[in-house]
PDB file of N, CA and C in Angstrom:
ATOM      1  N   MET A   1      10.479 -67.080-162.699  1.00  0.00           N
ATOM      2  CA  MET A   1       9.791 -67.143-161.140  1.00  0.00           C
ATOM      3  C   MET A   1      10.477 -65.600-160.835  1.00  0.00           C
ATOM      4  N   THR A   2       9.195 -64.769-160.952  1.00  0.00           N
ATOM      5  CA  THR A   2       9.341 -63.286-160.667  1.00  0.00           C
ATOM      6  C   THR A   2       9.672 -62.942-158.966  1.00  0.00           C
ATOM      7  N   GLU A   3       8.195 -63.547-158.074  1.00  0.00           N
ATOM      8  CA  GLU A   3       8.056 -63.814-157.193  1.00  0.00           C
ATOM      9  C   GLU A   3       9.524 -64.367-156.630  1.00  0.00           C
ATOM     10  N   ALA A   4       9.247 -64.584-154.365  1.00  0.00           N
ATOM     11  CA  ALA A   4      10.700 -65.713-154.047  1.00  0.00           C
ATOM     12  C   ALA A   4       9.303 -67.024-153.900  1.00  0.00           C
ATOM     13  N   PHE A   5      10.876 -67.811-153.880  1.00  0.00           N
ATOM     14  CA  PHE A   5       9.493 -69.217-154.113  1.00  0.00           C
ATOM     15  C   PHE A   5       9.054 -69.528-152.571  1.00  0.00           C
ATOM     16  N   VAL A   6       8.644 -69.193-152.133  1.00  0.00           N
ATOM     17  CA  VAL A   6       8.066 -69.492-149.932  1.00  0.00           C
ATOM     18  C   VAL A   6       6.600 -68.468-150.780  1.00  0.00           C
ATOM     19  N   PRO A   7       6.966 -67.308-150.390  1.00  0.00           N
ATOM     20  CA  PRO A   7       5.736 -66.478-151.238  1.00  0.00           C
ATOM     21  C   PRO A   7       4.770 -67.398-152.750  1.00  0.00           C
ATOM     22  N   THR A   8       5.479 -67.572-153.205  1.00  0.00           N
ATOM     23  CA  THR A   8       4.987 -68.451-154.266  1.00  0.00           C
ATOM     24  C   THR A   8       3.664 -69.828-153.950  1.00  0.00           C
ATOM     25  N   PHE A   9       5.275 -70.433-153.247  1.00  0.00           N
ATOM     26  CA  PHE A   9       4.558 -71.804-152.278  1.00  0.00           C
ATOM     27  C   PHE A   9       3.508 -71.384-151.053  1.00  0.00           C
ATOM     28  N   ILE A  10       3.045 -71.128-150.595  1.00  0.00           N
ATOM     29  CA  ILE A  10       1.792 -70.561-149.925  1.00  0.00           C
ATOM     30  C   ILE A  10       0.989 -70.130-150.922  1.00  0.00           C
ATOM     31  N   HIS A  11       1.092 -68.884-151.666  1.00  0.00           N
ATOM     32  CA  HIS A  11       0.206 -68.734-152.495  1.00  0.00           C
ATOM     33  C   HIS A  11      -0.627 -70.386-153.482  1.00  0.00           C
ATOM     34  N   SER A  12       0.220 -70.836-153.956  1.00  0.00           N
ATOM     35  CA  SER A  12      -0.228 -71.903-154.620  1.00  0.00           C
ATOM     36  C   SER A  12      -1.375 -72.942-153.746  1.00  0.00           C
ATOM     37  N   TYR A  13      -1.112 -72.837-152.279  1.00  0.00           N
ATOM     38  CA  TYR A  13      -1.759 -73.902-151.903  1.00  0.00           C
ATOM     39  C   TYR A  13      -3.000 -73.302-151.382  1.00  0.00           C
ATOM     40  N   PHE A  14      -2.674 -72.195-151.059  1.00  0.00           N
ATOM     41  CA  PHE A  14      -4.134 -71.544-150.595  1.00  0.00           C
ATOM     42  C   PHE A  14      -5.500 -71.039-152.265  1.00  0.00           C
ATOM     43  N   ILE A  15      -4.126 -70.853-152.754  1.00  0.00           N
ATOM     44  CA  ILE A  15      -5.315 -70.844-154.705  1.00  0.00           C
ATOM     45  C   ILE A  15      -6.083 -71.251-154.217  1.00  0.00           C
ATOM     46  N   ALA A  16      -5.809 -72.366-154.613  1.00  0.00           N
ATOM     47  CA  ALA A  16      -5.881 -74.121-154.894  1.00  0.00           C
ATOM     48  C   ALA A  16      -6.981 -74.068-153.604  1.00  0.00           C
ATOM     49  N   LEU A  17      -7.009 -74.428-152.301  1.00  0.00           N
ATOM     50  CA  LEU A  17      -7.889 -74.454-151.355  1.00  0.00           C
ATOM     51  C   LEU A  17      -8.960 -73.468-151.688  1.00  0.00           C
ATOM     52  N   GLY A  18      -8.510 -72.000-151.608  1.00  0.00           N
ATOM     53  CA  GLY A  18     -10.007 -70.936-152.096  1.00  0.00           C
ATOM     54  C   GLY A  18     -10.718 -71.343-154.024  1.00  0.00           C
ATOM     55  N   VAL A  19     -10.180 -72.464-154.490  1.00  0.00           N
ATOM     56  CA  VAL A  19     -10.958 -72.723-155.854  1.00  0.00           C
ATOM     57  C   VAL A  19     -11.723 -73.856-155.432  1.00  0.00           C
ATOM     58  N   ILE A  20     -11.757 -74.886-154.585  1.00  0.00           N
ATOM     59  CA  ILE A  20     -12.361 -76.088-154.107  1.00  0.00           C
ATOM     60  C   ILE A  20     -13.520 -74.980-153.497  1.00  0.00           C
ATOM     61  N   LEU A  21     -13.548 -74.471-152.027  1.00  0.00           N
ATOM     62  CA  LEU A  21     -14.418 -74.384-151.279  1.00  0.00           C
ATOM     63  C   LEU A  21     -14.743 -73.070-151.644  1.00  0.00           C
ATOM     64  N   GLY A  22     -14.795 -72.362-152.812  1.00  0.00           N
ATOM     65  CA  GLY A  22     -15.536 -71.099-153.657  1.00  0.00           C
ATOM     66  C   GLY A  22     -16.555 -71.819-154.570  1.00  0.00           C
ATOM     67  N   GLY A  23     -15.277 -72.491-155.497  1.00  0.00           N
ATOM     68  CA  GLY A  23     -16.709 -73.024-156.604  1.00  0.00           C
ATOM     69  C   GLY A  23     -17.263 -73.922-155.578  1.00  0.00           C
ATOM     70  N   SER A  24     -17.560 -75.052-154.941  1.00  0.00           N
ATOM     71  CA  SER A  24     -18.596 -75.989-154.604  1.00  0.00           C
ATOM     72  C   SER A  24     -19.703 -75.202-153.090  1.00  0.00           C
ATOM     73  N   LEU A  25     -18.733 -74.287-153.269  1.00  0.00           N
ATOM     74  CA  LEU A  25     -20.169 -73.867-152.414  1.00  0.00           C
ATOM     75  C   LEU A  25     -21.116 -72.816-152.924  1.00  0.00           C
ATOM     76  N   ILE A  26     -20.486 -72.039-154.090  1.00  0.00           N
ATOM     77  CA  ILE A  26     -21.302 -71.405-154.264  1.00  0.00           C
ATOM     78  C   ILE A  26     -22.063 -72.126-156.287  1.00  0.00           C
ATOM     79  N   GLY A  27     -21.550 -73.110-156.585  1.00  0.00           N
ATOM     80  CA  GLY A  27     -22.165 -74.516-157.119  1.00  0.00           C
ATOM     81  C   GLY A  27     -23.470 -74.549-156.459  1.00  0.00           C
ATOM     82  N   GLY A  28     -23.382 -74.865-154.983  1.00  0.00           N
ATOM     83  CA  GLY A  28     -24.147 -75.479-154.128  1.00  0.00           C
ATOM     84  C   GLY A  28     -25.720 -74.484-153.711  1.00  0.00           C
ATOM     85  N   LEU A  29     -25.345 -73.179-154.097  1.00  0.00           N
ATOM     86  CA  LEU A  29     -26.164 -72.082-153.844  1.00  0.00           C
ATOM     87  C   LEU A  29     -26.522 -72.203-154.874  1.00  0.00           C
ATOM     88  N   SER A  30     -26.180 -72.355-156.449  1.00  0.00           N
ATOM     89  CA  SER A  30     -26.936 -73.001-157.275  1.00  0.00           C
ATOM     90  C   SER A  30     -27.831 -73.851-157.602  1.00  0.00           C
ATOM     91  N   ALA A  31     -27.089 -75.165-156.994  1.00  0.00           N
ATOM     92  CA  ALA A  31     -27.801 -75.925-156.740  1.00  0.00           C
ATOM     93  C   ALA A  31     -29.352 -75.993-155.572  1.00  0.00           C
ATOM     94  N   PHE A  32     -29.393 -74.962-154.929  1.00  0.00           N
ATOM     95  CA  PHE A  32     -30.581 -74.885-153.981  1.00  0.00           C
ATOM     96  C   PHE A  32     -30.947 -74.087-154.427  1.00  0.00           C
ATOM     97  N   LEU A  33     -31.256 -73.218-155.577  1.00  0.00           N
ATOM     98  CA  LEU A  33     -31.861 -71.606-156.297  1.00  0.00           C
ATOM     99  C   LEU A  33     -32.814 -72.709-157.152  1.00  0.00           C
ATOM    100  N   ILE A  34     -32.355 -73.755-158.005  1.00  0.00           N
ATOM    101  CA  ILE A  34     -33.080 -74.523-159.073  1.00  0.00           C
ATOM    102  C   ILE A  34     -33.770 -75.804-158.219  1.00  0.00           C
ATOM    103  N   GLY A  35     -33.664 -75.611-156.922  1.00  0.00           N
ATOM    104  CA  GLY A  35     -34.672 -76.826-156.281  1.00  0.00           C
ATOM    105  C   GLY A  35     -33.709 -78.634-156.476  1.00  0.00           C
ATOM    106  N   GLU A  36     -32.253 -78.208-156.632  1.00  0.00           N
ATOM    107  CA  GLU A  36     -32.272 -80.086-156.539  1.00  0.00           C
ATOM    108  C   GLU A  36     -30.935 -79.749-155.073  1.00  0.00           C
ATOM    109  N   PRO A  37     -30.631 -81.296-154.099  1.00  0.00           N
ATOM    110  CA  PRO A  37     -29.889 -81.533-153.335  1.00  0.00           C
ATOM    111  C   PRO A  37     -28.919 -80.470-153.444  1.00  0.00           C
ATOM    112  N   PRO A  38     -28.373 -79.358-152.598  1.00  0.00           N
ATOM    113  CA  PRO A  38     -27.099 -78.259-152.561  1.00  0.00           C
ATOM    114  C   PRO A  38     -25.760 -79.515-151.640  1.00  0.00           C
ATOM    115  N   LEU A  39     -26.090 -80.021-151.032  1.00  0.00           N
ATOM    116  CA  LEU A  39     -25.151 -80.732-149.956  1.00  0.00           C
ATOM    117  C   LEU A  39     -24.848 -82.233-151.199  1.00  0.00           C
ATOM    118  N   THR A  40     -25.169 -82.290-151.999  1.00  0.00           N
ATOM    119  CA  THR A  40     -24.791 -83.332-152.976  1.00  0.00           C
ATOM    120  C   THR A  40     -24.050 -82.894-154.383  1.00  0.00           C
ATOM    121  N   GLU A  41     -24.183 -81.830-154.322  1.00  0.00           N
ATOM    122  CA  GLU A  41     -23.981 -80.573-155.507  1.00  0.00           C
ATOM    123  C   GLU A  41     -22.971 -80.325-154.751  1.00  0.00           C
ATOM    124  N   ILE A  42     -22.666 -79.913-153.669  1.00  0.00           N
ATOM    125  CA  ILE A  42     -21.282 -79.389-153.295  1.00  0.00           C
ATOM    126  C   ILE A  42     -20.403 -80.675-153.135  1.00  0.00           C
ATOM    127  N   TYR A  43     -20.033 -81.436-152.413  1.00  0.00           N
ATOM    128  CA  TYR A  43     -19.764 -82.993-152.940  1.00  0.00           C
ATOM    129  C   TYR A  43     -19.281 -83.138-154.306  1.00  0.00           C
ATOM    130  N   ARG A  44     -20.449 -83.084-154.748  1.00  0.00           N
ATOM    131  CA  ARG A  44     -19.736 -83.651-156.492  1.00  0.00           C
ATOM    132  C   ARG A  44     -19.050 -82.517-156.742  1.00  0.00           C
ATOM    133  N   LEU A  45     -18.868 -81.255-156.839  1.00  0.00           N
ATOM    134  CA  LEU A  45     -18.491 -80.347-157.366  1.00  0.00           C
ATOM    135  C   LEU A  45     -16.869 -80.222-157.017  1.00  0.00           C
ATOM    136  N   SER A  46     -16.913 -79.902-155.746  1.00  0.00           N
ATOM    137  CA  SER A  46     -15.374 -80.473-154.677  1.00  0.00           C
ATOM    138  C   SER A  46     -14.611 -81.647-155.660  1.00  0.00           C
ATOM    139  N   ASN A  47     -15.357 -82.708-156.216  1.00  0.00           N
ATOM    140  CA  ASN A  47     -14.286 -84.019-156.666  1.00  0.00           C
ATOM    141  C   ASN A  47     -14.074 -83.414-157.557  1.00  0.00           C
ATOM    142  N   SER A  48     -15.252 -82.797-159.049  1.00  0.00           N
ATOM    143  CA  SER A  48     -14.739 -82.341-160.075  1.00  0.00           C
ATOM    144  C   SER A  48     -13.857 -81.329-160.163  1.00  0.00           C
ATOM    145  N   LEU A  49     -13.588 -80.387-159.177  1.00  0.00           N
ATOM    146  CA  LEU A  49     -13.079 -79.181-159.473  1.00  0.00           C
ATOM    147  C   LEU A  49     -11.599 -79.260-159.084  1.00  0.00           C
ATOM    148  N   ARG A  50     -11.156 -80.386-158.625  1.00  0.00           N
ATOM    149  CA  ARG A  50      -9.368 -80.518-158.478  1.00  0.00           C
ATOM    150  C   ARG A  50      -8.072 -80.227-159.182  1.00  0.00           C
ATOM    151  N   ILE A  51      -8.775 -80.659-160.557  1.00  0.00           N
ATOM    152  CA  ILE A  51      -7.709 -80.641-161.551  1.00  0.00           C
ATOM    153  C   ILE A  51      -8.104 -79.271-161.924  1.00  0.00           C
ATOM    154  N   TRP A  52      -8.678 -78.124-162.070  1.00  0.00           N
ATOM    155  CA  TRP A  52      -9.073 -77.204-161.866  1.00  0.00           C
ATOM    156  C   TRP A  52      -8.388 -75.893-161.267  1.00  0.00           C
ATOM    157  N   ALA A  53      -8.499 -76.774-159.944  1.00  0.00           N
ATOM    158  CA  ALA A  53      -7.498 -75.412-158.759  1.00  0.00           C
ATOM    159  C   ALA A  53      -6.069 -75.642-158.328  1.00  0.00           C
ATOM    160  N   ILE A  54      -5.883 -76.948-159.500  1.00  0.00           N
ATOM    161  CA  ILE A  54      -4.253 -77.368-159.965  1.00  0.00           C
ATOM    162  C   ILE A  54      -4.262 -76.539-160.520  1.00  0.00           C
ATOM    163  N   VAL A  55      -4.360 -75.864-162.019  1.00  0.00           N
ATOM    164  CA  VAL A  55      -4.512 -75.852-162.713  1.00  0.00           C
ATOM    165  C   VAL A  55      -4.581 -74.019-162.345  1.00  0.00           C
ATOM    166  N   ALA A  56      -4.920 -73.766-161.797  1.00  0.00           N
ATOM    167  CA  ALA A  56      -5.573 -72.093-161.689  1.00  0.00           C
ATOM    168  C   ALA A  56      -4.032 -72.069-160.472  1.00  0.00           C
ATOM    169  N   ALA A  57      -4.178 -72.580-159.853  1.00  0.00           N
ATOM    170  CA  ALA A  57      -2.378 -72.437-158.738  1.00  0.00           C
ATOM    171  C   ALA A  57      -1.476 -72.760-158.960  1.00  0.00           C
ATOM    172  N   ILE A  58      -0.879 -73.027-160.159  1.00  0.00           N
ATOM    173  CA  ILE A  58       0.394 -72.918-160.989  1.00  0.00           C
ATOM    174  C   ILE A  58       0.176 -72.304-161.665  1.00  0.00           C
ATOM    175  N   GLY A  59      -0.459 -71.196-161.917  1.00  0.00           N
ATOM    176  CA  GLY A  59      -1.193 -70.256-162.745  1.00  0.00           C
ATOM    177  C   GLY A  59      -0.732 -70.469-164.182  1.00  0.00           C
ATOM    178  N   GLY A  60      -1.357 -71.976-165.177  1.00  0.00           N
ATOM    179  CA  GLY A  60      -1.511 -72.150-165.989  1.00  0.00           C
ATOM    180  C   GLY A  60      -0.284 -73.327-166.520  1.00  0.00           C
ATOM    181  N   THR A  61      -1.076 -74.195-167.687  1.00  0.00           N
ATOM    182  CA  THR A  61       0.240 -75.138-168.001  1.00  0.00           C
ATOM    183  C   THR A  61       1.477 -74.689-168.566  1.00  0.00           C
ATOM    184  N   PHE A  62       1.221 -73.327-168.851  1.00  0.00           N
ATOM    185  CA  PHE A  62       2.482 -73.484-170.268  1.00  0.00           C
ATOM    186  C   PHE A  62       3.550 -72.775-169.607  1.00  0.00           C
ATOM    187  N   ASP A  63       3.551 -71.835-168.108  1.00  0.00           N
ATOM    188  CA  ASP A  63       4.781 -71.665-167.188  1.00  0.00           C
ATOM    189  C   ASP A  63       5.227 -72.599-166.712  1.00  0.00           C
ATOM    190  N   ALA A  64       4.494 -74.437-166.014  1.00  0.00           N
ATOM    191  CA  ALA A  64       4.927 -75.316-165.831  1.00  0.00           C
ATOM    192  C   ALA A  64       5.160 -76.127-166.315  1.00  0.00           C
ATOM    193  N   VAL A  65       5.214 -76.422-168.081  1.00  0.00           N
ATOM    194  CA  VAL A  65       5.966 -77.110-169.272  1.00  0.00           C
ATOM    195  C   VAL A  65       7.043 -75.895-169.307  1.00  0.00           C
ATOM    196  N   TYR A  66       6.833 -74.579-169.373  1.00  0.00           N
ATOM    197  CA  TYR A  66       8.145 -73.859-169.886  1.00  0.00           C
ATOM    198  C   TYR A  66       9.489 -74.196-168.732  1.00  0.00           C
ATOM    199  N   ASN A  67       9.085 -74.146-167.072  1.00  0.00           N
ATOM    200  CA  ASN A  67      10.060 -74.421-166.186  1.00  0.00           C
ATOM    201  C   ASN A  67      10.463 -76.191-166.122  1.00  0.00           C
ATOM    202  N   PHE A  68       9.111 -77.095-166.458  1.00  0.00           N
ATOM    203  CA  PHE A  68       9.758 -78.280-166.610  1.00  0.00           C
ATOM    204  C   PHE A  68      11.129 -78.775-167.747  1.00  0.00           C
ATOM    205  N   GLU A  69      10.695 -77.863-168.711  1.00  0.00           N
ATOM    206  CA  GLU A  69      11.607 -77.525-170.087  1.00  0.00           C
ATOM    207  C   GLU A  69      12.344 -77.346-169.836  1.00  0.00           C
ATOM    208  N   ARG A  70      12.994 -76.124-169.232  1.00  0.00           N
ATOM    209  CA  ARG A  70      14.370 -75.424-168.617  1.00  0.00           C
ATOM    210  C   ARG A  70      14.521 -76.154-167.932  1.00  0.00           C
ATOM    211  N   GLY A  71      14.152 -76.646-167.002  1.00  0.00           N
ATOM    212  CA  GLY A  71      15.270 -78.026-166.107  1.00  0.00           C
ATOM    213  C   GLY A  71      15.678 -78.902-166.647  1.00  0.00           C
ATOM    214  N   LEU A  72      15.163 -79.597-167.479  1.00  0.00           N
ATOM    215  CA  LEU A  72      15.568 -81.006-168.469  1.00  0.00           C
ATOM    216  C   LEU A  72      16.447 -80.258-168.944  1.00  0.00           C
ATOM    217  N   MET A  73      16.623 -79.737-170.081  1.00  0.00           N
ATOM    218  CA  MET A  73      16.927 -79.754-170.980  1.00  0.00           C
ATOM    219  C   MET A  73      18.271 -78.298-171.074  1.00  0.00           C
ATOM    220  N   HIS A  74      18.161 -77.461-170.150  1.00  0.00           N
ATOM    221  CA  HIS A  74      18.401 -76.935-170.018  1.00  0.00           C
ATOM    222  C   HIS A  74      19.743 -76.889-168.725  1.00  0.00           C
ATOM    223  N   GLY A  75      19.986 -78.131-168.351  1.00  0.00           N
ATOM    224  CA  GLY A  75      19.922 -78.181-166.813  1.00  0.00           C
ATOM    225  C   GLY A  75      20.414 -76.812-165.209  1.00  0.00           C
ATOM    226  N   GLN A  76      18.869 -76.519-165.380  1.00  0.00           N
ATOM    227  CA  GLN A  76      18.405 -75.941-164.049  1.00  0.00           C
ATOM    228  C   GLN A  76      17.973 -76.676-163.453  1.00  0.00           C
ATOM    229  N   THR A  77      18.228 -77.485-162.298  1.00  0.00           N
ATOM    230  CA  THR A  77      17.754 -78.585-162.121  1.00  0.00           C
ATOM    231  C   THR A  77      16.678 -77.742-160.467  1.00  0.00           C
ATOM    232  N   GLY A  78      17.121 -76.778-160.608  1.00  0.00           N
ATOM    233  CA  GLY A  78      16.813 -75.757-159.191  1.00  0.00           C
ATOM    234  C   GLY A  78      15.147 -75.504-159.497  1.00  0.00           C
ATOM    235  N   ASP A  79      15.197 -75.267-160.623  1.00  0.00           N
ATOM    236  CA  ASP A  79      13.775 -74.660-161.175  1.00  0.00           C
ATOM    237  C   ASP A  79      12.872 -75.555-161.229  1.00  0.00           C
ATOM    238  N   LEU A  80      13.396 -77.173-162.283  1.00  0.00           N
ATOM    239  CA  LEU A  80      12.420 -78.076-162.057  1.00  0.00           C
ATOM    240  C   LEU A  80      12.274 -78.930-160.872  1.00  0.00           C
ATOM    241  N   VAL A  81      13.229 -78.657-159.819  1.00  0.00           N
ATOM    242  CA  VAL A  81      12.516 -78.840-158.134  1.00  0.00           C
ATOM    243  C   VAL A  81      11.875 -78.060-157.742  1.00  0.00           C
ATOM    244  N   LYS A  82      11.332 -76.348-158.125  1.00  0.00           N
ATOM    245  CA  LYS A  82      10.625 -75.295-157.217  1.00  0.00           C
ATOM    246  C   LYS A  82       9.556 -75.672-158.099  1.00  0.00           C
ATOM    247  N   GLN A  83       9.381 -76.489-159.524  1.00  0.00           N
ATOM    248  CA  GLN A  83       8.005 -76.739-160.015  1.00  0.00           C
ATOM    249  C   GLN A  83       7.617 -77.439-159.682  1.00  0.00           C
ATOM    250  N   ILE A  84       8.000 -78.643-158.946  1.00  0.00           N
ATOM    251  CA  ILE A  84       7.774 -79.987-158.379  1.00  0.00           C
ATOM    252  C   ILE A  84       6.881 -79.330-156.971  1.00  0.00           C
ATOM    253  N   PHE A  85       7.351 -78.629-156.232  1.00  0.00           N
ATOM    254  CA  PHE A  85       6.992 -78.755-155.288  1.00  0.00           C
ATOM    255  C   PHE A  85       6.176 -77.632-154.897  1.00  0.00           C
ATOM    256  N   LEU A  86       5.897 -76.519-156.248  1.00  0.00           N
ATOM    257  CA  LEU A  86       4.532 -75.643-156.416  1.00  0.00           C
ATOM    258  C   LEU A  86       3.478 -76.718-156.405  1.00  0.00           C
ATOM    259  N   ILE A  87       3.356 -78.034-157.554  1.00  0.00           N
ATOM    260  CA  ILE A  87       2.700 -78.263-158.094  1.00  0.00           C
ATOM    261  C   ILE A  87       2.278 -79.253-157.131  1.00  0.00           C
ATOM    262  N   LEU A  88       2.882 -79.626-155.692  1.00  0.00           N
ATOM    263  CA  LEU A  88       2.862 -80.180-154.959  1.00  0.00           C
ATOM    264  C   LEU A  88       1.734 -79.542-153.478  1.00  0.00           C
ATOM    265  N   SER A  89       1.893 -78.716-153.774  1.00  0.00           N
ATOM    266  CA  SER A  89       1.538 -77.123-152.638  1.00  0.00           C
ATOM    267  C   SER A  89      -0.158 -77.290-153.266  1.00  0.00           C
ATOM    268  N   ALA A  90       0.260 -77.464-154.452  1.00  0.00           N
ATOM    269  CA  ALA A  90      -1.311 -77.038-155.335  1.00  0.00           C
ATOM    270  C   ALA A  90      -2.058 -78.156-154.863  1.00  0.00           C
ATOM    271  N   LEU A  91      -1.962 -79.187-155.169  1.00  0.00           N
ATOM    272  CA  LEU A  91      -2.117 -80.700-154.431  1.00  0.00           C
ATOM    273  C   LEU A  91      -2.589 -80.836-153.168  1.00  0.00           C
ATOM    274  N   GLY A  92      -1.786 -80.316-152.427  1.00  0.00           N
ATOM    275  CA  GLY A  92      -2.438 -80.482-151.301  1.00  0.00           C
ATOM    276  C   GLY A  92      -4.070 -78.778-150.474  1.00  0.00           C
ATOM    277  N   GLY A  93      -3.083 -78.339-151.147  1.00  0.00           N
ATOM    278  CA  GLY A  93      -4.565 -77.104-151.167  1.00  0.00           C
ATOM    279  C   GLY A  93      -5.549 -77.673-151.556  1.00  0.00           C
ATOM    280  N   ALA A  94      -5.774 -78.186-152.946  1.00  0.00           N
ATOM    281  CA  ALA A  94      -6.475 -79.188-153.619  1.00  0.00           C
ATOM    282  C   ALA A  94      -7.977 -80.442-152.648  1.00  0.00           C
ATOM    283  N   GLN A  95      -6.893 -80.499-151.763  1.00  0.00           N
ATOM    284  CA  GLN A  95      -6.904 -81.966-151.229  1.00  0.00           C
ATOM    285  C   GLN A  95      -7.746 -81.757-149.877  1.00  0.00           C
ATOM    286  N   THR A  96      -7.146 -80.391-148.890  1.00  0.00           N
ATOM    287  CA  THR A  96      -7.399 -79.684-148.071  1.00  0.00           C
ATOM    288  C   THR A  96      -9.496 -79.219-148.460  1.00  0.00           C
ATOM    289  N   GLY A  97      -9.069 -78.271-149.368  1.00  0.00           N
ATOM    290  CA  GLY A  97     -10.318 -78.149-149.213  1.00  0.00           C
ATOM    291  C   GLY A  97     -11.546 -79.351-149.847  1.00  0.00           C
ATOM    292  N   ALA A  98     -10.959 -80.431-150.435  1.00  0.00           N
ATOM    293  CA  ALA A  98     -11.940 -81.683-150.850  1.00  0.00           C
ATOM    294  C   ALA A  98     -12.184 -82.056-149.549  1.00  0.00           C
ATOM    295  N   LEU A  99     -11.807 -81.933-148.893  1.00  0.00           N
ATOM    296  CA  LEU A  99     -11.429 -82.875-147.448  1.00  0.00           C
ATOM    297  C   LEU A  99     -12.475 -82.157-146.335  1.00  0.00           C
ATOM    298  N   ILE A 100     -12.308 -80.742-146.667  1.00  0.00           N
ATOM    299  CA  ILE A 100     -13.140 -79.841-145.541  1.00  0.00           C
ATOM    300  C   ILE A 100     -14.433 -79.997-146.001  1.00  0.00           C
ATOM    301  N   ILE A 101     -14.534 -80.407-147.567  1.00  0.00           N
ATOM    302  CA  ILE A 101     -16.352 -80.688-147.762  1.00  0.00           C
ATOM    303  C   ILE A 101     -16.420 -81.668-148.253  1.00  0.00           C
ATOM    304  N   ASN A 102     -15.505 -82.528-147.454  1.00  0.00           N
ATOM    305  CA  ASN A 102     -16.334 -84.023-147.481  1.00  0.00           C
ATOM    306  C   ASN A 102     -16.333 -83.553-146.045  1.00  0.00           C
ATOM    307  N   TRP A 103     -16.150 -83.073-145.174  1.00  0.00           N
ATOM    308  CA  TRP A 103     -16.337 -83.104-143.418  1.00  0.00           C
ATOM    309  C   TRP A 103     -17.865 -82.534-143.355  1.00  0.00           C
ATOM    310  N   LEU A 104     -17.569 -81.277-144.019  1.00  0.00           N
ATOM    311  CA  LEU A 104     -18.861 -80.672-143.930  1.00  0.00           C
ATOM    312  C   LEU A 104     -20.694 -80.849-144.767  1.00  0.00           C
ATOM    313  N   THR A 105     -20.421 -81.782-146.096  1.00  0.00           N
ATOM    314  CA  THR A 105     -21.311 -82.425-146.253  1.00  0.00           C
ATOM    315  C   THR A 105     -21.180 -84.050-145.947  1.00  0.00           C
ATOM    316  N   GLN A 106     -20.418 -84.669-145.036  1.00  0.00           N
ATOM    317  CA  GLN A 106     -20.448 -86.142-144.672  1.00  0.00           C
ATOM    318  C   GLN A 106     -21.110 -86.453-145.785  1.00  0.00           C
ATOM    319  N   GLY A 107     -20.408 -86.306-147.178  1.00  0.00           N
ATOM    320  CA  GLY A 107     -20.122 -87.174-148.711  1.00  0.00           C
ATOM    321  C   GLY A 107     -20.286 -88.466-148.815  1.00  0.00           C
ATOM    322  N   HIS A 108     -19.356 -89.615-147.383  1.00  0.00           N
ATOM    323  CA  HIS A 108     -19.452 -90.199-147.090  1.00  0.00           C
ATOM    324  C   HIS A 108     -20.511 -91.261-147.316  1.00  0.00           C
ATOM    325  N   LEU A 109     -21.750 -90.347-146.885  1.00  0.00           N
ATOM    326  CA  LEU A 109     -22.948 -90.859-146.578  1.00  0.00           C
ATOM    327  C   LEU A 109     -23.761 -91.376-147.494  1.00  0.00           C
ATOM    328  N   SER A 110     -23.188 -90.380-148.745  1.00  0.00           N
ATOM    329  CA  SER A 110     -24.445 -90.690-149.301  1.00  0.00           C
ATOM    330  C   SER A 110     -23.995 -91.357-150.651  1.00  0.00           C
TER     331      SER A 110
END
């Protein structure tokens, strides 16, 4: 990890949030352009983009796997704990984005 932990932690949260919000809203625009109900599509996309938001936020899967391996096999538990916190930050950002989309679209009503 070349960056300090706290800025990376914050970046991870907001990258996941941005992927959910941006992907869902732009996908809703495309649904509008082809004549489908945009709010339904925005809600559906926010649910299906969560895993991709997490992967994008942690920087791909290979870095995460390498950090887990280094933490478990080489006894560097600090890296393992940091990676777990980064994943939790990305999960929080994705959940926040999905919750905002749910509020905006009233997805529980559809």
